[in-house]
């Protein structure tokens, strides 16, 4: 069964393969104007030598799409872009993929804090 009445979803991926964890979150605007979390996922390495399997994050994003959920925008840390973002560009189009370095620019954090203080995040 496909989900066709769900609001558009916004996703941010932190694909830090060279660090100890990676992950993503998917949020959407609710009817009351607040931002709600649809899904969040974190992957942690067990050992220093282990590589994080990012294909699982890509698979979850494709699963959401296959369920009929509209992905409005997917952002990636500019320094971690790779094959997943390139694959999503092919499937969703360049206009729905963006690069945001939350390590180099604190704008995303500042917006998040503003939304929290205003009570707009559930």
N, C-alpha and C. Protein backbone atom coordinates (compact mmCIF):
# COMPACT_ATOMS: atom_id res chain seq x y z
N UNK A 1 0.84 -1.18 0.00
CA UNK A 1 0.00 0.00 0.00
C UNK A 1 0.89 1.24 0.00
N UNK A 2 0.66 2.14 -0.93
CA UNK A 2 1.44 3.36 -1.02
C UNK A 2 0.80 4.46 -0.18
N UNK A 3 1.65 5.32 0.38
CA UNK A 3 1.20 6.44 1.19
C UNK A 3 1.17 7.67 0.29
N UNK A 4 -0.01 8.14 -0.06
CA UNK A 4 -0.08 9.27 -0.98
C UNK A 4 -0.50 10.57 -0.30
N UNK A 5 -1.06 10.48 0.90
CA UNK A 5 -1.55 11.69 1.56
C UNK A 5 -0.57 12.25 2.58
N UNK A 6 0.63 11.70 2.65
CA UNK A 6 1.63 12.16 3.61
C UNK A 6 2.26 13.45 3.11
N UNK A 7 2.53 14.42 3.99
CA UNK A 7 3.16 15.68 3.54
C UNK A 7 4.58 15.45 3.02
N UNK A 8 5.10 16.38 2.24
CA UNK A 8 6.48 16.25 1.73
C UNK A 8 7.49 16.15 2.87
N UNK A 9 8.53 15.36 2.64
CA UNK A 9 9.53 15.07 3.66
C UNK A 9 10.86 15.72 3.27
N UNK A 10 11.57 16.22 4.28
CA UNK A 10 12.90 16.80 4.12
C UNK A 10 13.88 15.91 4.86
N UNK A 11 15.01 15.58 4.21
CA UNK A 11 15.99 14.66 4.78
C UNK A 11 17.36 15.33 4.82
N UNK A 12 18.08 15.11 5.92
CA UNK A 12 19.49 15.52 5.98
C UNK A 12 20.32 14.29 6.33
N UNK A 13 21.39 14.08 5.58
CA UNK A 13 22.28 12.93 5.78
C UNK A 13 23.66 13.40 6.20
N UNK A 14 24.17 12.81 7.24
CA UNK A 14 25.56 13.03 7.65
C UNK A 14 26.28 11.71 7.42
N UNK A 15 27.03 11.65 6.35
CA UNK A 15 27.65 10.40 5.91
C UNK A 15 29.12 10.37 6.26
N UNK A 16 29.43 10.59 7.50
CA UNK A 16 30.81 10.68 7.97
C UNK A 16 31.45 9.30 8.05
N UNK A 17 31.85 8.77 6.93
CA UNK A 17 32.42 7.42 6.91
C UNK A 17 33.75 7.33 7.63
N UNK A 18 34.48 8.43 7.72
CA UNK A 18 35.80 8.38 8.36
C UNK A 18 35.71 8.61 9.86
N UNK A 19 34.53 8.82 10.38
CA UNK A 19 34.35 9.01 11.82
C UNK A 19 33.68 7.77 12.39
N UNK A 20 33.23 7.84 13.62
CA UNK A 20 32.69 6.65 14.26
C UNK A 20 31.21 6.43 14.01
N UNK A 21 30.49 7.41 13.42
CA UNK A 21 29.08 7.19 13.16
C UNK A 21 28.58 8.05 12.00
N UNK A 22 27.47 7.62 11.43
CA UNK A 22 26.80 8.33 10.34
C UNK A 22 25.31 8.22 10.61
N UNK A 23 24.52 9.01 9.89
CA UNK A 23 23.10 8.90 10.10
C UNK A 23 22.31 9.87 9.24
N UNK A 24 21.01 9.87 9.45
CA UNK A 24 20.14 10.81 8.74
C UNK A 24 18.87 11.00 9.54
N UNK A 25 18.17 12.07 9.21
CA UNK A 25 16.85 12.29 9.79
C UNK A 25 15.91 12.77 8.70
N UNK A 26 14.65 12.42 8.84
CA UNK A 26 13.61 12.82 7.90
C UNK A 26 12.52 13.53 8.70
N UNK A 27 12.19 14.74 8.31
CA UNK A 27 11.19 15.53 9.00
C UNK A 27 10.14 16.03 8.02
N UNK A 28 9.00 16.45 8.56
CA UNK A 28 7.93 16.98 7.73
C UNK A 28 7.15 18.02 8.52
N UNK A 29 6.50 18.96 7.83
CA UNK A 29 5.67 19.95 8.53
C UNK A 29 4.31 19.32 8.87
N UNK A 30 3.88 19.49 10.11
CA UNK A 30 2.58 18.96 10.51
C UNK A 30 1.49 19.99 10.20
N UNK A 31 0.25 19.58 10.36
CA UNK A 31 -0.87 20.47 10.06
C UNK A 31 -0.90 21.70 10.95
N UNK A 32 -0.38 21.59 12.18
CA UNK A 32 -0.39 22.73 13.09
C UNK A 32 0.84 23.63 12.91
N UNK A 33 1.62 23.39 11.86
CA UNK A 33 2.77 24.24 11.55
C UNK A 33 4.06 23.84 12.23
N UNK A 34 4.03 22.81 13.04
CA UNK A 34 5.24 22.35 13.71
C UNK A 34 5.97 21.35 12.84
N UNK A 35 7.24 21.13 13.15
CA UNK A 35 8.06 20.17 12.41
C UNK A 35 8.10 18.88 13.21
N UNK A 36 7.77 17.79 12.54
CA UNK A 36 7.74 16.49 13.20
C UNK A 36 8.78 15.56 12.57
N UNK A 37 9.30 14.68 13.37
CA UNK A 37 10.27 13.70 12.89
C UNK A 37 9.53 12.47 12.37
N UNK A 38 9.82 12.12 11.14
CA UNK A 38 9.28 10.89 10.56
C UNK A 38 10.18 9.72 10.92
N UNK A 39 11.49 9.95 10.79
CA UNK A 39 12.44 8.86 10.95
C UNK A 39 13.82 9.45 11.24
N UNK A 40 14.55 8.81 12.13
CA UNK A 40 15.96 9.16 12.32
C UNK A 40 16.74 7.89 12.54
N UNK A 41 17.94 7.91 12.04
CA UNK A 41 18.73 6.69 12.04
C UNK A 41 20.19 7.04 12.28
N UNK A 42 20.85 6.26 13.10
CA UNK A 42 22.28 6.42 13.31
C UNK A 42 22.97 5.07 13.15
N UNK A 43 24.14 5.10 12.56
CA UNK A 43 24.93 3.88 12.38
C UNK A 43 26.28 4.13 13.03
N UNK A 44 26.67 3.23 13.91
CA UNK A 44 27.93 3.37 14.65
C UNK A 44 28.86 2.22 14.28
N UNK A 45 30.15 2.54 14.15
CA UNK A 45 31.15 1.50 13.89
C UNK A 45 31.44 0.74 15.18
N UNK A 46 31.69 -0.56 15.03
CA UNK A 46 32.05 -1.38 16.18
C UNK A 46 33.54 -1.28 16.47
N UNK A 47 34.35 -1.16 15.41
CA UNK A 47 35.79 -1.05 15.57
C UNK A 47 36.31 0.10 14.72
N UNK A 48 37.51 0.55 14.99
CA UNK A 48 38.12 1.64 14.22
C UNK A 48 38.34 1.27 12.76
N UNK A 49 38.62 0.01 12.51
CA UNK A 49 38.92 -0.43 11.14
C UNK A 49 37.68 -0.66 10.29
N UNK A 50 36.55 -0.83 10.93
CA UNK A 50 35.31 -1.11 10.22
C UNK A 50 34.85 0.10 9.41
N UNK A 51 34.34 -0.14 8.20
CA UNK A 51 33.73 0.90 7.38
C UNK A 51 32.23 0.92 7.64
N UNK A 52 31.65 2.10 7.65
CA UNK A 52 30.20 2.21 7.82
C UNK A 52 29.53 1.89 6.48
N UNK A 53 28.53 1.03 6.52
CA UNK A 53 27.80 0.64 5.32
C UNK A 53 26.70 1.66 5.04
N UNK A 54 27.00 2.61 4.16
CA UNK A 54 26.06 3.68 3.85
C UNK A 54 24.94 3.24 2.92
N UNK A 55 25.06 2.07 2.33
CA UNK A 55 24.01 1.61 1.42
C UNK A 55 22.68 1.42 2.15
N UNK A 56 22.72 1.19 3.46
CA UNK A 56 21.49 1.04 4.23
C UNK A 56 20.72 2.36 4.29
N UNK A 57 21.44 3.47 4.42
CA UNK A 57 20.78 4.78 4.43
C UNK A 57 20.14 5.05 3.07
N UNK A 58 20.87 4.76 2.02
CA UNK A 58 20.32 4.94 0.67
C UNK A 58 19.09 4.05 0.48
N UNK A 59 19.15 2.82 0.96
CA UNK A 59 18.02 1.89 0.81
C UNK A 59 16.78 2.39 1.54
N UNK A 60 16.95 2.97 2.71
CA UNK A 60 15.80 3.50 3.46
C UNK A 60 15.18 4.68 2.71
N UNK A 61 16.00 5.55 2.15
CA UNK A 61 15.47 6.69 1.38
C UNK A 61 14.68 6.17 0.18
N UNK A 62 15.21 5.19 -0.53
CA UNK A 62 14.48 4.62 -1.67
C UNK A 62 13.21 3.92 -1.22
N UNK A 63 13.24 3.28 -0.06
CA UNK A 63 12.04 2.64 0.46
C UNK A 63 10.95 3.68 0.72
N UNK A 64 11.32 4.82 1.32
CA UNK A 64 10.34 5.90 1.54
C UNK A 64 9.72 6.35 0.22
N UNK A 65 10.57 6.53 -0.79
CA UNK A 65 10.08 6.93 -2.11
C UNK A 65 9.14 5.87 -2.67
N UNK A 66 9.52 4.61 -2.56
CA UNK A 66 8.70 3.51 -3.08
C UNK A 66 7.36 3.40 -2.36
N UNK A 67 7.30 3.89 -1.12
CA UNK A 67 6.04 3.87 -0.37
C UNK A 67 5.12 5.02 -0.78
N UNK A 68 5.59 5.88 -1.67
CA UNK A 68 4.77 6.99 -2.15
C UNK A 68 5.00 8.30 -1.42
N UNK A 69 5.99 8.33 -0.53
CA UNK A 69 6.29 9.56 0.20
C UNK A 69 7.09 10.49 -0.71
N UNK A 70 6.64 11.73 -0.80
CA UNK A 70 7.32 12.72 -1.62
C UNK A 70 8.52 13.27 -0.85
N UNK A 71 9.69 13.14 -1.44
CA UNK A 71 10.90 13.70 -0.84
C UNK A 71 11.08 15.08 -1.45
N UNK A 72 10.88 16.10 -0.63
CA UNK A 72 10.96 17.48 -1.11
C UNK A 72 12.42 17.91 -1.30
N UNK A 73 13.27 17.53 -0.35
CA UNK A 73 14.67 17.94 -0.43
C UNK A 73 15.53 17.00 0.40
N UNK A 74 16.71 16.69 -0.10
CA UNK A 74 17.71 15.89 0.62
C UNK A 74 18.99 16.71 0.68
N UNK A 75 19.50 16.91 1.88
CA UNK A 75 20.77 17.64 2.00
C UNK A 75 21.84 16.71 2.56
N UNK A 76 23.06 17.01 2.16
CA UNK A 76 24.24 16.26 2.60
C UNK A 76 25.28 17.25 3.07
N UNK A 77 26.13 16.80 3.99
CA UNK A 77 27.28 17.60 4.36
C UNK A 77 28.17 17.70 3.12
N UNK A 78 28.53 18.91 2.74
CA UNK A 78 29.27 19.12 1.49
C UNK A 78 30.58 18.35 1.44
N UNK A 79 31.17 18.09 2.59
CA UNK A 79 32.44 17.39 2.61
C UNK A 79 32.27 15.87 2.61
N UNK A 80 31.05 15.41 2.67
CA UNK A 80 30.81 13.97 2.71
C UNK A 80 29.99 13.48 1.52
N UNK A 81 29.80 14.33 0.51
CA UNK A 81 28.98 13.90 -0.63
C UNK A 81 29.67 12.77 -1.37
N UNK A 82 28.89 11.93 -1.96
CA UNK A 82 29.47 10.78 -2.64
C UNK A 82 28.46 10.09 -3.51
N UNK A 83 28.61 8.78 -3.61
CA UNK A 83 27.78 8.04 -4.54
C UNK A 83 26.30 8.11 -4.20
N UNK A 84 25.93 8.20 -2.91
CA UNK A 84 24.51 8.26 -2.56
C UNK A 84 23.88 9.53 -3.11
N UNK A 85 24.54 10.67 -2.93
CA UNK A 85 23.97 11.91 -3.45
C UNK A 85 23.90 11.88 -4.97
N UNK A 86 24.89 11.30 -5.61
CA UNK A 86 24.87 11.20 -7.08
C UNK A 86 23.72 10.30 -7.54
N UNK A 87 23.49 9.20 -6.85
CA UNK A 87 22.38 8.31 -7.19
C UNK A 87 21.03 9.00 -6.99
N UNK A 88 20.91 9.77 -5.90
CA UNK A 88 19.66 10.48 -5.65
C UNK A 88 19.42 11.60 -6.67
N UNK A 89 20.49 12.23 -7.11
CA UNK A 89 20.34 13.26 -8.16
C UNK A 89 19.75 12.61 -9.41
N UNK A 90 20.23 11.42 -9.76
CA UNK A 90 19.70 10.72 -10.93
C UNK A 90 18.22 10.38 -10.76
N UNK A 91 17.82 10.03 -9.53
CA UNK A 91 16.43 9.61 -9.31
C UNK A 91 15.48 10.77 -9.03
N UNK A 92 15.93 11.77 -8.27
CA UNK A 92 15.06 12.87 -7.86
C UNK A 92 15.27 14.16 -8.63
N UNK A 93 16.46 14.32 -9.21
CA UNK A 93 16.79 15.56 -9.91
C UNK A 93 17.66 16.47 -9.06
N UNK A 94 18.52 17.22 -9.71
CA UNK A 94 19.48 18.10 -9.04
C UNK A 94 18.81 19.12 -8.12
N UNK A 95 17.62 19.61 -8.51
CA UNK A 95 16.97 20.67 -7.74
C UNK A 95 16.51 20.21 -6.36
N UNK A 96 16.42 18.91 -6.12
CA UNK A 96 15.98 18.42 -4.82
C UNK A 96 17.12 17.91 -3.95
N UNK A 97 18.35 18.10 -4.40
CA UNK A 97 19.52 17.66 -3.63
C UNK A 97 20.37 18.87 -3.32
N UNK A 98 20.81 18.98 -2.06
CA UNK A 98 21.63 20.11 -1.68
C UNK A 98 22.76 19.69 -0.78
N UNK A 99 23.72 20.59 -0.63
CA UNK A 99 24.88 20.32 0.22
C UNK A 99 24.97 21.41 1.28
N UNK A 100 24.99 21.00 2.54
CA UNK A 100 25.05 21.92 3.66
C UNK A 100 26.08 21.40 4.64
N UNK A 101 27.14 22.13 4.84
CA UNK A 101 28.15 21.71 5.79
C UNK A 101 27.82 22.28 7.16
N UNK A 102 27.29 21.42 8.01
CA UNK A 102 27.00 21.87 9.37
C UNK A 102 28.27 21.92 10.21
N UNK A 103 29.37 21.39 9.69
CA UNK A 103 30.65 21.49 10.38
C UNK A 103 31.30 22.85 10.15
N UNK A 104 31.07 23.44 8.98
CA UNK A 104 31.71 24.70 8.63
C UNK A 104 30.80 25.91 8.78
N UNK A 105 29.49 25.70 8.83
CA UNK A 105 28.52 26.79 8.89
C UNK A 105 27.47 26.43 9.94
N UNK A 106 27.34 27.26 10.97
CA UNK A 106 26.41 26.93 12.05
C UNK A 106 24.98 27.40 11.78
N UNK A 107 24.67 27.83 10.56
CA UNK A 107 23.33 28.31 10.24
C UNK A 107 22.27 27.25 10.54
N UNK A 108 22.52 26.01 10.15
CA UNK A 108 21.54 24.95 10.39
C UNK A 108 21.29 24.78 11.89
N UNK A 109 22.33 24.83 12.71
CA UNK A 109 22.16 24.73 14.14
C UNK A 109 21.38 25.91 14.69
N UNK A 110 21.68 27.10 14.21
CA UNK A 110 20.99 28.30 14.68
C UNK A 110 19.50 28.25 14.32
N UNK A 111 19.19 27.80 13.14
CA UNK A 111 17.78 27.65 12.74
C UNK A 111 17.10 26.61 13.62
N UNK A 112 17.78 25.50 13.87
CA UNK A 112 17.24 24.46 14.73
C UNK A 112 16.95 25.03 16.12
N UNK A 113 17.89 25.76 16.70
CA UNK A 113 17.69 26.34 18.03
C UNK A 113 16.53 27.33 18.03
N UNK A 114 16.42 28.14 16.98
CA UNK A 114 15.32 29.09 16.87
C UNK A 114 13.97 28.35 16.85
N UNK A 115 13.89 27.31 16.03
CA UNK A 115 12.65 26.54 15.93
C UNK A 115 12.31 25.86 17.25
N UNK A 116 13.34 25.38 17.97
CA UNK A 116 13.10 24.77 19.29
C UNK A 116 12.55 25.79 20.26
N UNK A 117 13.17 26.98 20.31
CA UNK A 117 12.74 28.01 21.24
C UNK A 117 11.31 28.50 20.94
N UNK A 118 10.95 28.51 19.67
CA UNK A 118 9.60 28.93 19.27
C UNK A 118 8.59 27.80 19.45
N UNK A 119 9.06 26.61 19.82
CA UNK A 119 8.16 25.48 20.00
C UNK A 119 7.62 24.92 18.71
N UNK A 120 8.36 25.06 17.64
CA UNK A 120 7.90 24.60 16.34
C UNK A 120 8.39 23.23 15.95
N UNK A 121 9.14 22.58 16.85
CA UNK A 121 9.61 21.22 16.59
C UNK A 121 8.98 20.29 17.61
N UNK A 122 8.31 19.27 17.12
CA UNK A 122 7.69 18.28 18.01
C UNK A 122 8.54 17.03 18.06
